[in-house]
């Protein structure tokens, strides 16, 4: 692997600082957990995790998203204390922020978020949309960092999924603004796979354009999700094709950030999509 050139550490500020004008930004996923749905703890070892972060930088990631507690959407994960989550992050975060890409901390705990923000993370990614820990929104406002608020549900059942997504995210935005988080620091995520049946995830992807009503940048993370298996039977590491199909569709629907495990392939897909659009081949 080529030597990584260290860059100046990014600072916080409006989310637009971390987006791209030419195509969706690609957020590379790093799970430092023993029970991730996508990689089964492959990057739990700190040295392996750091090497993977370096690889994602080389592959063209625009943002790195680090999580130390499994948020696997299909259940079965073990709860992790804030102390354990911080201990996992402590072994990797200092080295990863030195790589120079914006680092997003994926957590639902304000104590963990504060620890990570104090050590160089510049984006807060909350898979419960600021609705689990009441201290999360005031913390983000105090630090002035962008927040990504995701739709989630305790369980999947028969509901109007898009109405629920829009209502939940509207509440998250209200919480953010009430805490003093400026709109230019908020992005929304429909939570593909979270609290949704595979069919509801597919429906959500098909109706992403409805999120434009919120007037905020949209992050989509369909990478390796279970709905792909229902369409084309596959293990998690056999779902690159399905992930790319969903993410190209998301880009066409206006997504500003694509969150992905397979960074090199996703960056290539976004570059080709952007080149085709630039030539007017897509109406």
Protein backbone atom coordinates (compact mmCIF):
# COMPACT_ATOMS: atom_id res chain seq x y z
CA UNK A 1 0.00 0.00 0.00
CA UNK A 2 1.29 3.45 -0.88
CA UNK A 3 2.29 5.76 1.95
CA UNK A 4 -0.62 8.01 2.93
CA UNK A 5 0.16 11.72 2.81
CA UNK A 6 -1.14 13.34 5.97
CA UNK A 7 -3.28 16.42 5.40
CA UNK A 8 -4.45 19.28 7.54
CA UNK A 9 -7.20 18.14 9.88
CA UNK A 10 -10.66 19.37 8.78
CA UNK A 11 -12.60 21.63 11.11
CA UNK A 12 -16.33 21.75 11.77
CA UNK A 13 -18.74 24.05 9.99
CA UNK A 14 -21.62 23.87 7.51
CA UNK A 15 -22.21 20.47 5.99
CA UNK A 16 -21.65 21.93 2.53
CA UNK A 17 -17.93 22.05 3.29
CA UNK A 18 -17.87 18.26 3.08
CA UNK A 19 -20.10 17.82 0.00
CA UNK A 20 -19.21 17.84 -3.67
CA UNK A 21 -20.59 19.90 -6.54
CA UNK A 22 -19.86 17.31 -9.23
CA UNK A 23 -21.35 14.18 -7.65
CA UNK A 24 -22.46 12.71 -4.33
CA UNK A 25 -19.73 12.51 -1.70
CA UNK A 26 -18.77 8.95 -0.77
CA UNK A 27 -18.69 8.15 2.94
CA UNK A 28 -16.59 5.09 3.70
CA UNK A 29 -17.78 2.85 6.53
CA UNK A 30 -15.47 1.61 9.27
CA UNK A 31 -17.01 -0.64 11.94
CA UNK A 32 -14.72 -1.28 14.89
CA UNK A 33 -17.15 -3.80 16.36
CA UNK A 34 -17.05 -7.58 16.76
CA UNK A 35 -20.62 -8.05 15.48
CA UNK A 36 -21.13 -5.84 12.44
CA UNK A 37 -23.79 -7.20 10.06
CA UNK A 38 -21.63 -6.43 7.03
CA UNK A 39 -18.17 -7.69 7.94
CA UNK A 40 -18.61 -9.83 11.07
CA UNK A 41 -15.97 -7.98 13.07
CA UNK A 42 -13.32 -8.00 10.37
CA UNK A 43 -12.03 -4.58 11.42
CA UNK A 44 -12.31 -4.99 15.19
CA UNK A 45 -8.53 -5.32 15.40
CA UNK A 46 -7.14 -1.76 15.62
CA UNK A 47 -4.25 -2.27 13.21
CA UNK A 48 -6.56 -3.82 10.63
CA UNK A 49 -9.06 -1.00 11.10
CA UNK A 50 -6.42 1.67 10.53
CA UNK A 51 -5.14 -0.09 7.41
CA UNK A 52 -8.69 -0.24 6.09
CA UNK A 53 -9.15 3.49 6.74
CA UNK A 54 -5.94 4.17 4.82
CA UNK A 55 -7.22 2.02 1.96
CA UNK A 56 -10.50 3.94 1.82
CA UNK A 57 -8.55 7.21 1.63
CA UNK A 58 -6.55 5.82 -1.30
CA UNK A 59 -9.75 4.61 -2.97
CA UNK A 60 -11.21 8.11 -3.01
CA UNK A 61 -13.52 8.34 0.00
CA UNK A 62 -14.61 11.88 0.80
CA UNK A 63 -15.63 11.18 4.41
CA UNK A 64 -14.88 8.36 6.87
CA UNK A 65 -17.69 7.19 9.16
CA UNK A 66 -16.54 5.32 12.27
CA UNK A 67 -18.79 3.35 14.58
CA UNK A 68 -17.91 1.29 17.66
CA UNK A 69 -21.33 -0.18 18.45
CA UNK A 70 -23.21 -2.41 16.06
CA UNK A 71 -26.41 -0.80 14.80
CA UNK A 72 -27.21 -3.83 12.67
CA UNK A 73 -30.72 -3.25 11.41
CA UNK A 74 -31.94 -6.83 11.84
CA UNK A 75 -31.46 -7.12 15.59
CA UNK A 76 -29.30 -9.44 17.63
CA UNK A 77 -26.59 -6.94 18.50
CA UNK A 78 -25.37 -6.66 22.07
CA UNK A 79 -25.70 -3.29 23.84
CA UNK A 80 -22.39 -1.53 24.43
CA UNK A 81 -21.70 0.90 27.25
CA UNK A 82 -20.35 4.35 26.48
CA UNK A 83 -17.12 3.35 28.23
CA UNK A 84 -16.65 0.28 26.01
CA UNK A 85 -17.54 2.24 22.89
CA UNK A 86 -14.95 4.89 23.74
CA UNK A 87 -12.34 2.23 24.49
CA UNK A 88 -12.83 0.76 21.02
CA UNK A 89 -12.56 4.18 19.40
CA UNK A 90 -9.51 5.17 21.42
CA UNK A 91 -7.41 2.55 19.68
CA UNK A 92 -8.13 3.87 16.18
CA UNK A 93 -9.57 7.40 16.08
CA UNK A 94 -6.37 9.37 16.83
CA UNK A 95 -4.57 7.71 13.91
CA UNK A 96 -7.50 7.98 11.55
CA UNK A 97 -8.08 11.71 12.02
CA UNK A 98 -4.43 12.21 11.01
CA UNK A 99 -5.28 10.91 7.53
CA UNK A 100 -6.90 14.26 6.79
CA UNK A 101 -10.38 13.25 5.69
CA UNK A 102 -13.45 14.51 7.56
CA UNK A 103 -14.36 11.92 10.19
CA UNK A 104 -17.97 11.22 11.14
CA UNK A 105 -18.74 9.55 14.46
CA UNK A 106 -21.58 7.02 14.24
CA UNK A 107 -23.10 6.87 17.72
CA UNK A 108 -26.37 7.41 19.57
CA UNK A 109 -24.65 8.38 22.83
CA UNK A 110 -23.82 12.01 23.60
CA UNK A 111 -20.93 11.00 25.88
CA UNK A 112 -19.31 9.06 23.04
CA UNK A 113 -19.98 11.84 20.56
CA UNK A 114 -18.37 14.43 22.84
CA UNK A 115 -15.30 12.24 23.33
CA UNK A 116 -14.91 11.77 19.56
CA UNK A 117 -15.54 15.42 18.70
CA UNK A 118 -12.88 16.43 21.21
CA UNK A 119 -10.44 14.18 19.33
CA UNK A 120 -11.01 15.31 15.78
CA UNK A 121 -14.34 13.99 14.52
CA UNK A 122 -16.22 16.76 12.69
CA UNK A 123 -19.61 15.20 11.84
CA UNK A 124 -22.17 13.52 14.10
CA UNK A 125 -24.11 10.61 12.60
CA UNK A 126 -27.08 9.56 14.79
CA UNK A 127 -29.05 6.53 13.61
CA UNK A 128 -31.92 7.53 15.89
CA UNK A 129 -32.16 11.06 14.55
CA UNK A 130 -31.42 12.87 17.84
CA UNK A 131 -34.45 11.13 19.39
CA UNK A 132 -32.73 8.66 21.74
CA UNK A 133 -30.33 10.76 23.79
CA UNK A 134 -31.73 14.19 24.72
CA UNK A 135 -28.20 15.53 25.16
CA UNK A 136 -27.19 14.83 21.56
CA UNK A 137 -28.76 17.83 19.84
CA UNK A 138 -27.50 20.42 22.37
CA UNK A 139 -24.05 18.83 22.10
CA UNK A 140 -24.00 19.18 18.30
CA UNK A 141 -25.21 22.76 18.59
CA UNK A 142 -22.51 23.57 21.13
CA UNK A 143 -19.77 22.13 18.93
CA UNK A 144 -21.21 23.62 15.73
CA UNK A 145 -20.78 20.38 13.81
CA UNK A 146 -23.03 18.96 11.09
CA UNK A 147 -25.47 16.22 12.08
CA UNK A 148 -26.93 13.38 10.05
CA UNK A 149 -30.35 12.38 11.35
CA UNK A 150 -31.58 8.96 10.31
CA UNK A 151 -35.06 7.44 10.31
CA UNK A 152 -35.41 4.39 12.51
CA UNK A 153 -38.11 2.26 14.12
CA UNK A 154 -38.05 -0.33 16.88
CA UNK A 155 -39.60 -2.94 14.58
CA UNK A 156 -40.83 -3.32 11.03
CA UNK A 157 -44.58 -3.59 10.53
CA UNK A 158 -47.27 -2.74 8.01
CA UNK A 159 -47.38 1.05 7.85
CA UNK A 160 -47.16 3.78 5.24
CA UNK A 161 -43.37 3.75 5.32
CA UNK A 162 -42.76 7.01 3.46
CA UNK A 163 -45.21 8.89 5.65
CA UNK A 164 -43.38 7.52 8.69
CA UNK A 165 -39.96 8.41 7.27
CA UNK A 166 -41.01 11.97 6.48
CA UNK A 167 -42.75 12.47 9.82
CA UNK A 168 -39.85 11.06 11.84
CA UNK A 169 -37.24 13.11 10.00
CA UNK A 170 -39.33 16.27 10.32
CA UNK A 171 -39.36 15.72 14.09
CA UNK A 172 -35.60 15.21 14.09
CA UNK A 173 -35.11 18.46 12.19
CA UNK A 174 -37.38 20.26 14.68
CA UNK A 175 -35.31 18.88 17.58
CA UNK A 176 -32.10 19.99 15.87
CA UNK A 177 -33.32 23.50 15.15
CA UNK A 178 -34.82 23.91 18.63
CA UNK A 179 -31.39 23.07 20.08
CA UNK A 180 -29.76 25.74 17.92
CA UNK A 181 -28.37 23.61 15.09
CA UNK A 182 -28.46 25.65 11.87
CA UNK A 183 -30.18 24.12 8.85
CA UNK A 184 -26.93 24.25 6.88
CA UNK A 185 -25.58 21.72 9.37
CA UNK A 186 -28.32 19.09 8.98
CA UNK A 187 -28.63 16.15 6.59
CA UNK A 188 -31.34 13.48 6.56
CA UNK A 189 -31.05 9.73 6.02
CA UNK A 190 -34.11 7.53 5.25
CA UNK A 191 -32.50 4.62 7.12
CA UNK A 192 -32.56 1.89 4.48
CA UNK A 193 -32.99 -1.43 6.29
CA UNK A 194 -33.67 0.08 9.70
CA UNK A 195 -37.14 -0.67 11.09
CA UNK A 196 -38.25 -1.66 7.62
CA UNK A 197 -39.07 -4.86 5.82
CA UNK A 198 -37.01 -5.50 2.70
CA UNK A 199 -40.01 -4.48 0.64
CA UNK A 200 -40.28 -1.21 2.58
CA UNK A 201 -36.60 -0.52 1.99
CA UNK A 202 -37.12 -1.00 -1.73
CA UNK A 203 -40.16 1.28 -1.64
CA UNK A 204 -38.18 3.93 0.24
CA UNK A 205 -35.42 3.83 -2.36
CA UNK A 206 -37.98 4.13 -5.12
CA UNK A 207 -39.52 7.21 -3.51
CA UNK A 208 -36.38 9.03 -2.38
CA UNK A 209 -37.38 12.12 -4.32
CA UNK A 210 -40.09 12.74 -1.73
CA UNK A 211 -37.37 13.66 0.76
CA UNK A 212 -36.80 16.84 -1.23
CA UNK A 213 -39.79 18.21 0.67
CA UNK A 214 -37.53 18.52 3.72
CA UNK A 215 -35.20 20.87 1.84
CA UNK A 216 -32.03 19.27 3.22
CA UNK A 217 -29.14 17.19 1.87
CA UNK A 218 -29.91 13.47 1.80
CA UNK A 219 -27.58 10.64 2.77
CA UNK A 220 -28.37 7.15 1.48
CA UNK A 221 -26.75 4.00 2.82
CA UNK A 222 -28.03 0.93 0.99
CA UNK A 223 -24.69 -0.82 1.09
CA UNK A 224 -24.93 -4.62 1.47
CA UNK A 225 -28.41 -4.38 3.01
CA UNK A 226 -30.73 -7.38 3.30
CA UNK A 227 -33.24 -6.16 0.72
CA UNK A 228 -30.64 -6.99 -1.94
CA UNK A 229 -30.73 -10.63 -0.84
CA UNK A 230 -34.51 -10.76 -1.28
CA UNK A 231 -34.12 -9.65 -4.91
CA UNK A 232 -30.96 -11.61 -5.66
CA UNK A 233 -29.98 -14.22 -3.02
CA UNK A 234 -26.52 -13.32 -1.73
CA UNK A 235 -24.32 -13.08 1.32
CA UNK A 236 -23.36 -9.62 2.59
CA UNK A 237 -20.04 -9.58 0.73
CA UNK A 238 -21.74 -10.65 -2.52
CA UNK A 239 -23.96 -7.54 -2.72
CA UNK A 240 -21.70 -5.01 -4.42
CA UNK A 241 -23.79 -5.03 -7.60
CA UNK A 242 -27.04 -4.50 -5.75
CA UNK A 243 -25.47 -1.80 -3.59
CA UNK A 244 -24.22 0.08 -6.64
CA UNK A 245 -27.60 -0.16 -8.37
CA UNK A 246 -29.32 1.34 -5.34
CA UNK A 247 -26.72 4.06 -4.95
CA UNK A 248 -26.81 5.13 -8.58
CA UNK A 249 -30.59 5.40 -8.26
CA UNK A 250 -30.08 7.44 -5.09
CA UNK A 251 -27.70 9.78 -6.91
CA UNK A 252 -30.28 10.26 -9.65
CA UNK A 253 -32.87 11.10 -6.98
CA UNK A 254 -30.60 13.83 -5.62
CA UNK A 255 -28.66 12.17 -2.78
CA UNK A 256 -25.75 14.31 -1.59
CA UNK A 257 -23.88 11.56 0.29
CA UNK A 258 -23.58 7.84 -0.37
CA UNK A 259 -22.51 5.73 2.62
CA UNK A 260 -20.77 2.57 1.45
CA UNK A 261 -18.57 -0.33 2.48
CA UNK A 262 -17.07 -0.83 -1.00
CA UNK A 263 -15.47 2.56 -1.53
CA UNK A 264 -13.46 2.00 -4.72
CA UNK A 265 -16.44 0.56 -6.60
CA UNK A 266 -18.80 3.23 -5.29
CA UNK A 267 -16.47 6.10 -6.21
CA UNK A 268 -16.12 4.67 -9.70
CA UNK A 269 -19.90 4.32 -10.05
CA UNK A 270 -20.45 7.92 -8.94
CA UNK A 271 -17.79 9.21 -11.33
CA UNK A 272 -19.32 7.37 -14.28
CA UNK A 273 -22.83 8.50 -13.31
CA UNK A 274 -21.62 12.11 -13.12
CA UNK A 275 -19.83 11.86 -16.47
CA UNK A 276 -22.94 10.52 -18.20
CA UNK A 277 -25.11 13.24 -16.69
CA UNK A 278 -22.61 15.90 -17.71
CA UNK A 279 -23.01 14.81 -21.34
CA UNK A 280 -26.78 15.10 -21.10
CA UNK A 281 -27.37 11.39 -21.65
CA UNK A 282 -29.78 11.22 -18.71
CA UNK A 283 -32.95 13.30 -19.00
